[in-house]
Each structure stands twice: as C-alpha cells, then as structure tokens.
Amino acid sequence: MINIKKFVKNAIIEDNGRGDLFFDVAPKGRFTAKVISKDDGILAGEIYAKALSKTEKFDCKFLKHDGEQIKKGDIIAKLDGKAAVLLSSERTFLNMLQHASGIATMANSYASLIKDLDVVLLDTRKTRPQLRDFEKYASRVGGAINHRLGLDDCLMLKDTHLRTIINLKEFIQRARKRISWVTKIEIECETLDQVKDAMEAGGDIIMCDNMTPDQIREVVKFRNENYPHIVLEASGNINLKTVREYALSGVDALSSGSIIHQATWLDFSMKFD
C-alpha cells in the first residue's frame, strides 16, 4: 500500500497545485454524493480510490467492486464528507476509476475471447511513464496476467539486443553466471530458423514475434518434438480480431500492448445528493 498511498498523494498535489481556491470559501458541514457509471464495462481502481478517501479523510463505500461488471446508470460508490474535501478530490477520484476501468474492460474483452482455451493472456511494458503499477494492476483486474514489470525481472533479448550479440550461445552461458538462478531468459524470434538457434542456445522462453498463426504452428511442432520444456509466447499483430486464432496455434501465452495503450476510459460522474 505504500506505493499506492504515494501515488494518490502525488495525484492530489498535481491537481490541487498551491491549493483549491474553493477550499476556504466552501460551505460548512458534511455532504453526500454518488459516483455513477455512464458506460458498461468492468470496474477497476477501487483500492486506489479507497486509499485516496483515506488520505483526504472522507468516507467512501463501494457498491460495486474491482472486477465486477458495471452497467450504465449503476451507482458505483457513495461518498460522505466535507464539501471542500469531496470537491477537491472529485477529479482525481474519477480519473483513477475511469482510467483503470477502461483498461480492465479492454483486458476483459480479450480474456473473454479465449477463456475456454489453455493459453495465458499477458500485457506488456507499453505503459504510460510513472503509471506502470497502476495500469498493470488494472490489466490484472480485467483478466490479464502481467508480463514484465520492468527490465529487472526477466532477461529478454529482443531484435535490438540480438544485433549486439555475436554468439548467442556464449552470451547466454555468460548471462547465466550473472543473473539470478531463478531468472528466465526470453528470446524474440521472427522465423523458424531463429527459433531453432535460440532454443539450441539455451533460451527458456521464445517469443514468436510478428509471425502468422501458421508459422507459429510450425514452431509449436518443432518445440514439442525437440524442446518440450521451452515456453512459447506469441506477440505482434494480436488484437481483438486475431487473438483467438493465435490462441489456437498452440502457444503457451499471448501478449498484447493494446490491452493497455488502446484502452478507452469509461465515463463516470459524481453527483451530490
């Protein structure tokens, strides 16, 4: 919760600047308000909104919860507090819920299309700067699984990395002596020949990048016959129209940046009683 508290505090400071000009002239007493959904989707952002309410000292009761389906007109939460506090928190409170719910809704759209298949849906590092924890949290709420949170939890060798490496097998042997024993090495490949080289070199995970489903099926067949312990991930050109076809190719995981960067905010509003 430490990072969440810091996040919401910084968000309030960003919006309030040197201080909300309404604060000193606001009516006294306590007021109640409702947060109402103007869209259908999946709710996310509850834990951030609750942290905000605790930080700013107003009461907040959620009637809908993270991961639940919401419909247009649903009352998501009820608020109670001083007018100045509720109003100075309004935009930040709504922004967090709208942003997170948009991502959760997009992730859920992907997950629903492949829920009957034995394949993992992954997000990517294509997140807005300073918002990675927040956006990947929303992705999880919607049904995706986080891929990498950063460069420190998996050694991934993408095409740009590979251009700097002369001998891949020797590089991986050297890397094994430097990185944690439990850390995986993932190698990006665009052709079956590259896959064969990467598997022979000792990769743990092979990313089939920008391959067609037919090309991936060839990779799956080769993997199953020669290196059954290696995990296969498909990435590139995976969207809501193609995700099921790629899932049926036999890979273990699918990753798509559009889960986050193509998500559209849901529309919520706060209304005072």
Protein backbone atom coordinates (compact mmCIF):
# COMPACT_ATOMS: atom_id res chain seq x y z
CA MET A 1 0.00 0.00 0.00
CA ILE A 2 2.99 2.35 0.38
CA ASN A 3 3.27 2.92 -3.37
CA ILE A 4 -0.48 3.40 -3.69
CA LYS A 5 -0.53 5.99 -0.92
CA LYS A 6 2.34 7.86 -2.56
CA PHE A 7 0.61 7.65 -5.93
CA VAL A 8 -2.69 9.10 -4.75
CA LYS A 9 -0.98 11.80 -2.71
CA ASN A 10 1.03 12.93 -5.72
CA ALA A 11 -2.11 12.87 -7.86
CA ILE A 12 -3.91 15.16 -5.42
CA ILE A 13 -0.94 17.53 -5.27
CA GLU A 14 -0.83 17.62 -9.07
CA ASP A 15 -4.48 18.69 -9.30
CA ASN A 16 -4.64 21.00 -6.29
CA GLY A 17 -1.46 22.89 -7.03
CA ARG A 18 -0.93 25.52 -4.31
CA GLY A 19 -4.42 24.79 -3.01
CA ASP A 20 -8.00 24.50 -4.28
CA LEU A 21 -9.35 28.10 -4.42
CA PHE A 22 -12.79 26.81 -3.42
CA PHE A 23 -11.47 25.30 -0.20
CA ASP A 24 -11.54 28.40 2.05
CA VAL A 25 -14.99 29.57 0.89
CA ALA A 26 -16.73 26.19 0.74
CA PRO A 27 -19.98 25.67 2.68
CA LYS A 28 -19.54 24.09 6.10
CA GLY A 29 -20.95 20.76 7.17
CA ARG A 30 -20.93 17.32 5.60
CA PHE A 31 -22.39 16.37 2.24
CA THR A 32 -23.13 13.09 0.49
CA ALA A 33 -22.52 12.21 -3.15
CA LYS A 34 -22.73 9.28 -5.55
CA VAL A 35 -20.36 8.06 -8.27
CA ILE A 36 -22.45 6.93 -11.22
CA SER A 37 -21.35 4.94 -14.28
CA LYS A 38 -22.30 6.30 -17.70
CA ASP A 39 -20.84 3.27 -19.50
CA ASP A 40 -20.89 -0.52 -19.46
CA GLY A 41 -17.67 -2.30 -18.54
CA ILE A 42 -15.51 -3.79 -15.80
CA LEU A 43 -14.77 -1.78 -12.67
CA ALA A 44 -11.19 -1.22 -11.52
CA GLY A 45 -9.47 1.35 -9.36
CA GLU A 46 -11.31 0.63 -6.13
CA ILE A 47 -8.21 0.14 -3.99
CA TYR A 48 -6.70 3.38 -5.30
CA ALA A 49 -9.94 5.29 -4.72
CA LYS A 50 -10.18 3.95 -1.17
CA ALA A 51 -6.60 4.99 -0.50
CA LEU A 52 -7.48 8.46 -1.76
CA SER A 53 -10.52 8.70 0.50
CA LYS A 54 -8.43 7.66 3.50
CA THR A 55 -5.70 10.16 2.64
CA GLU A 56 -8.16 13.03 2.14
CA LYS A 57 -10.37 11.96 5.08
CA PHE A 58 -13.79 11.37 3.59
CA ASP A 59 -15.99 8.29 3.79
CA CYS A 60 -16.29 6.06 0.74
CA LYS A 61 -18.46 2.96 0.40
CA PHE A 62 -18.24 0.98 -2.85
CA LEU A 63 -21.39 -0.76 -4.06
CA LYS A 64 -19.51 -2.33 -6.97
CA HIS A 65 -16.05 -3.85 -6.65
CA ASP A 66 -12.91 -4.46 -8.69
CA GLY A 67 -13.51 -6.99 -11.45
CA GLU A 68 -17.30 -6.73 -11.38
CA GLN A 69 -19.42 -5.95 -14.41
CA ILE A 70 -21.00 -2.49 -14.32
CA LYS A 71 -23.79 -1.06 -16.42
CA LYS A 72 -24.73 2.46 -17.46
CA GLY A 73 -26.64 4.05 -14.57
CA ASP A 74 -25.12 1.89 -11.84
CA ILE A 75 -24.17 3.62 -8.60
CA ILE A 76 -20.57 2.59 -8.06
CA ALA A 77 -19.86 4.28 -4.74
CA LYS A 78 -21.36 6.57 -2.11
CA LEU A 79 -19.28 9.34 -0.54
CA ASP A 80 -19.67 11.38 2.62
CA GLY A 81 -17.50 14.27 3.74
CA LYS A 82 -16.86 17.99 3.84
CA ALA A 83 -17.80 19.79 0.63
CA ALA A 84 -14.32 21.24 0.18
CA VAL A 85 -12.68 17.83 0.52
CA LEU A 86 -15.10 16.00 -1.77
CA LEU A 87 -14.83 18.64 -4.46
CA SER A 88 -11.05 18.97 -4.32
CA SER A 89 -10.80 15.17 -4.63
CA GLU A 90 -13.50 14.71 -7.27
CA ARG A 91 -11.45 14.84 -10.46
CA THR A 92 -8.58 12.70 -9.14
CA PHE A 93 -11.04 10.17 -7.71
CA LEU A 94 -12.90 9.88 -11.01
CA ASN A 95 -9.77 9.90 -13.18
CA MET A 96 -8.34 6.90 -11.38
CA LEU A 97 -11.56 4.92 -11.62
CA GLN A 98 -12.21 5.82 -15.26
CA HIS A 99 -8.66 5.10 -16.39
CA ALA A 100 -8.34 1.80 -14.53
CA SER A 101 -11.82 0.64 -15.55
CA GLY A 102 -11.08 1.34 -19.20
CA ILE A 103 -8.04 -0.92 -19.09
CA ALA A 104 -9.84 -3.61 -17.12
CA THR A 105 -12.67 -3.54 -19.64
CA MET A 106 -10.25 -3.94 -22.56
CA ALA A 107 -8.38 -6.76 -20.82
CA ASN A 108 -11.68 -8.49 -20.12
CA SER A 109 -12.65 -8.22 -23.79
CA TYR A 110 -9.50 -10.14 -24.73
CA ALA A 111 -9.78 -12.64 -21.89
CA SER A 112 -13.41 -13.44 -22.71
CA LEU A 113 -12.49 -14.46 -26.25
CA ILE A 114 -10.03 -17.13 -25.11
CA LYS A 115 -11.36 -18.15 -21.71
CA ASP A 116 -12.06 -21.70 -22.90
CA LEU A 117 -8.50 -22.24 -24.17
CA ASP A 118 -5.36 -23.31 -22.32
CA VAL A 119 -3.37 -20.16 -23.00
CA VAL A 120 -2.22 -17.23 -20.85
CA LEU A 121 -3.07 -13.61 -21.73
CA LEU A 122 -0.22 -11.19 -20.98
CA ASP A 123 0.12 -7.42 -21.03
CA THR A 124 3.41 -5.66 -21.91
CA ARG A 125 5.70 -2.83 -20.78
CA LYS A 126 3.90 -0.45 -23.13
CA THR A 127 2.57 1.68 -20.30
CA ARG A 128 2.48 5.40 -19.65
CA PRO A 129 5.56 6.69 -17.79
CA GLN A 130 5.11 6.63 -14.00
CA LEU A 131 1.84 4.67 -14.34
CA ARG A 132 3.12 1.12 -14.81
CA ASP A 133 1.99 -0.27 -11.45
CA PHE A 134 -1.40 1.40 -11.81
CA GLU A 135 -2.04 0.29 -15.38
CA LYS A 136 -0.80 -3.25 -14.86
CA TYR A 137 -2.99 -3.53 -11.75
CA ALA A 138 -5.98 -2.57 -13.90
CA SER A 139 -4.95 -5.12 -16.52
CA ARG A 140 -4.90 -7.86 -13.86
CA VAL A 141 -8.34 -6.86 -12.64
CA GLY A 142 -9.65 -7.35 -16.18
CA GLY A 143 -8.24 -10.86 -16.52
CA ALA A 144 -4.75 -10.47 -17.98
CA ILE A 145 -1.51 -11.55 -16.29
CA ASN A 146 1.41 -9.17 -16.00
CA HIS A 147 4.36 -9.96 -18.26
CA ARG A 148 7.36 -7.97 -17.04
CA LEU A 149 7.03 -5.13 -14.58
CA GLY A 150 10.49 -3.93 -15.57
CA LEU A 151 13.86 -4.84 -17.02
CA ASP A 152 14.91 -6.49 -13.78
CA ASP A 153 12.56 -9.48 -13.60
CA CYS A 154 13.40 -11.31 -16.83
CA LEU A 155 16.27 -11.09 -19.30
CA MET A 156 14.55 -10.53 -22.62
CA LEU A 157 16.65 -10.41 -25.76
CA LYS A 158 14.72 -8.52 -28.43
CA ASP A 159 15.86 -7.92 -32.01
CA THR A 160 17.72 -4.79 -30.93
CA HIS A 161 19.61 -6.73 -28.26
CA LEU A 162 20.42 -9.54 -30.67
CA ARG A 163 22.06 -7.12 -33.09
CA THR A 164 24.73 -6.51 -30.43
CA ILE A 165 25.39 -10.21 -29.73
CA ILE A 166 27.84 -12.14 -31.91
CA ASN A 167 27.48 -15.61 -30.38
CA LEU A 168 24.12 -16.18 -28.72
CA LYS A 169 25.01 -19.46 -27.02
CA GLU A 170 28.14 -17.99 -25.43
CA PHE A 171 26.22 -14.90 -24.37
CA ILE A 172 23.55 -16.97 -22.61
CA GLN A 173 26.17 -19.08 -20.86
CA ARG A 174 27.80 -15.89 -19.58
CA ALA A 175 24.45 -14.40 -18.60
CA ARG A 176 23.56 -17.49 -16.54
CA LYS A 177 26.56 -16.74 -14.33
CA ARG A 178 25.49 -13.15 -13.76
CA ILE A 179 21.73 -13.19 -13.29
CA SER A 180 19.71 -14.83 -10.54
CA TRP A 181 19.44 -18.62 -10.76
CA VAL A 182 15.62 -18.38 -10.92
CA THR A 183 15.53 -15.68 -13.60
CA LYS A 184 14.28 -16.69 -17.04
CA ILE A 185 15.83 -15.74 -20.37
CA GLU A 186 13.40 -14.92 -23.18
CA ILE A 187 14.46 -14.55 -26.81
CA GLU A 188 12.50 -12.79 -29.54
CA CYS A 189 12.37 -14.60 -32.89
CA GLU A 190 10.73 -13.81 -36.22
CA THR A 191 11.47 -17.01 -38.17
CA LEU A 192 11.64 -20.74 -37.52
CA ASP A 193 15.40 -20.70 -38.14
CA GLN A 194 15.83 -18.05 -35.44
CA VAL A 195 13.70 -20.17 -33.11
CA LYS A 196 15.91 -23.19 -33.68
CA ASP A 197 19.05 -21.16 -32.94
CA ALA A 198 17.51 -19.63 -29.80
CA MET A 199 16.37 -22.99 -28.45
CA GLU A 200 19.75 -24.55 -29.13
CA ALA A 201 21.42 -21.59 -27.40
CA GLY A 202 19.50 -22.29 -24.19
CA GLY A 203 16.59 -19.85 -24.02
CA ASP A 204 13.81 -20.54 -21.51
CA ILE A 205 11.05 -18.69 -23.35
CA ILE A 206 10.74 -18.00 -27.06
CA MET A 207 8.71 -15.03 -28.22
CA CYS A 208 7.26 -15.60 -31.68
CA ASP A 209 7.20 -12.00 -32.85
CA ASN A 210 5.03 -10.89 -35.77
CA MET A 211 4.61 -14.45 -37.02
CA THR A 212 1.42 -15.71 -38.62
CA PRO A 213 -0.60 -18.40 -36.82
CA ASP A 214 0.57 -20.93 -39.45
CA GLN A 215 4.22 -20.04 -38.81
CA ILE A 216 3.65 -20.38 -35.08
CA ARG A 217 2.14 -23.83 -35.54
CA GLU A 218 5.43 -24.89 -37.17
CA VAL A 219 7.30 -23.51 -34.16
CA VAL A 220 4.99 -25.35 -31.78
CA LYS A 221 5.55 -28.61 -33.66
CA PHE A 222 9.34 -28.17 -33.55
CA ARG A 223 9.25 -27.26 -29.87
CA ASN A 224 7.09 -30.23 -28.94
CA GLU A 225 9.38 -32.64 -30.78
CA ASN A 226 12.71 -31.23 -29.60
CA TYR A 227 12.48 -28.86 -26.61
CA PRO A 228 9.17 -29.55 -24.80
CA HIS A 229 10.35 -27.68 -21.69
CA ILE A 230 10.59 -24.34 -23.51
CA VAL A 231 7.67 -21.89 -23.17
CA LEU A 232 6.29 -20.21 -26.28
CA GLU A 233 4.82 -16.72 -26.36
CA ALA A 234 3.20 -15.06 -29.37
CA SER A 235 3.35 -11.29 -29.79
CA GLY A 236 2.70 -8.78 -32.55
CA ASN A 237 -0.50 -8.31 -34.58
CA ILE A 238 -2.58 -9.66 -31.72
CA ASN A 239 -5.82 -7.75 -31.36
CA LEU A 240 -9.45 -8.50 -30.62
CA LYS A 241 -9.96 -9.80 -34.18
CA THR A 242 -6.96 -12.12 -34.16
CA VAL A 243 -6.44 -13.14 -30.54
CA ARG A 244 -8.46 -16.36 -30.75
CA GLU A 245 -6.74 -17.55 -33.93
CA TYR A 246 -3.34 -17.02 -32.29
CA ALA A 247 -4.54 -18.74 -29.13
CA LEU A 248 -5.46 -21.80 -31.17
CA SER A 249 -1.94 -22.06 -32.61
CA GLY A 250 -0.67 -23.99 -29.60
CA VAL A 251 1.45 -21.34 -27.87
CA ASP A 252 1.51 -21.08 -24.10
CA ALA A 253 0.96 -17.33 -23.88
CA LEU A 254 -0.18 -14.32 -25.89
CA SER A 255 0.99 -10.77 -25.20
CA SER A 256 -0.59 -7.57 -26.45
CA GLY A 257 0.29 -3.97 -25.66
CA SER A 258 -3.12 -2.84 -26.85
CA ILE A 259 -4.69 -4.22 -23.67
CA ILE A 260 -3.36 -1.05 -22.04
CA HIS A 261 -2.43 1.51 -24.69
CA GLN A 262 -5.59 1.11 -26.77
CA ALA A 263 -7.99 1.08 -23.82
CA THR A 264 -10.60 3.85 -23.69
CA TRP A 265 -11.60 5.36 -20.36
CA LEU A 266 -15.07 4.61 -19.07
CA ASP A 267 -17.23 7.62 -18.25
CA PHE A 268 -18.19 8.16 -14.60
CA SER A 269 -19.63 11.18 -12.85
CA MET A 270 -20.01 12.39 -9.26
CA LYS A 271 -23.37 13.79 -8.24
CA PHE A 272 -24.14 15.47 -4.91
CA ASP A 273 -27.37 14.43 -3.20
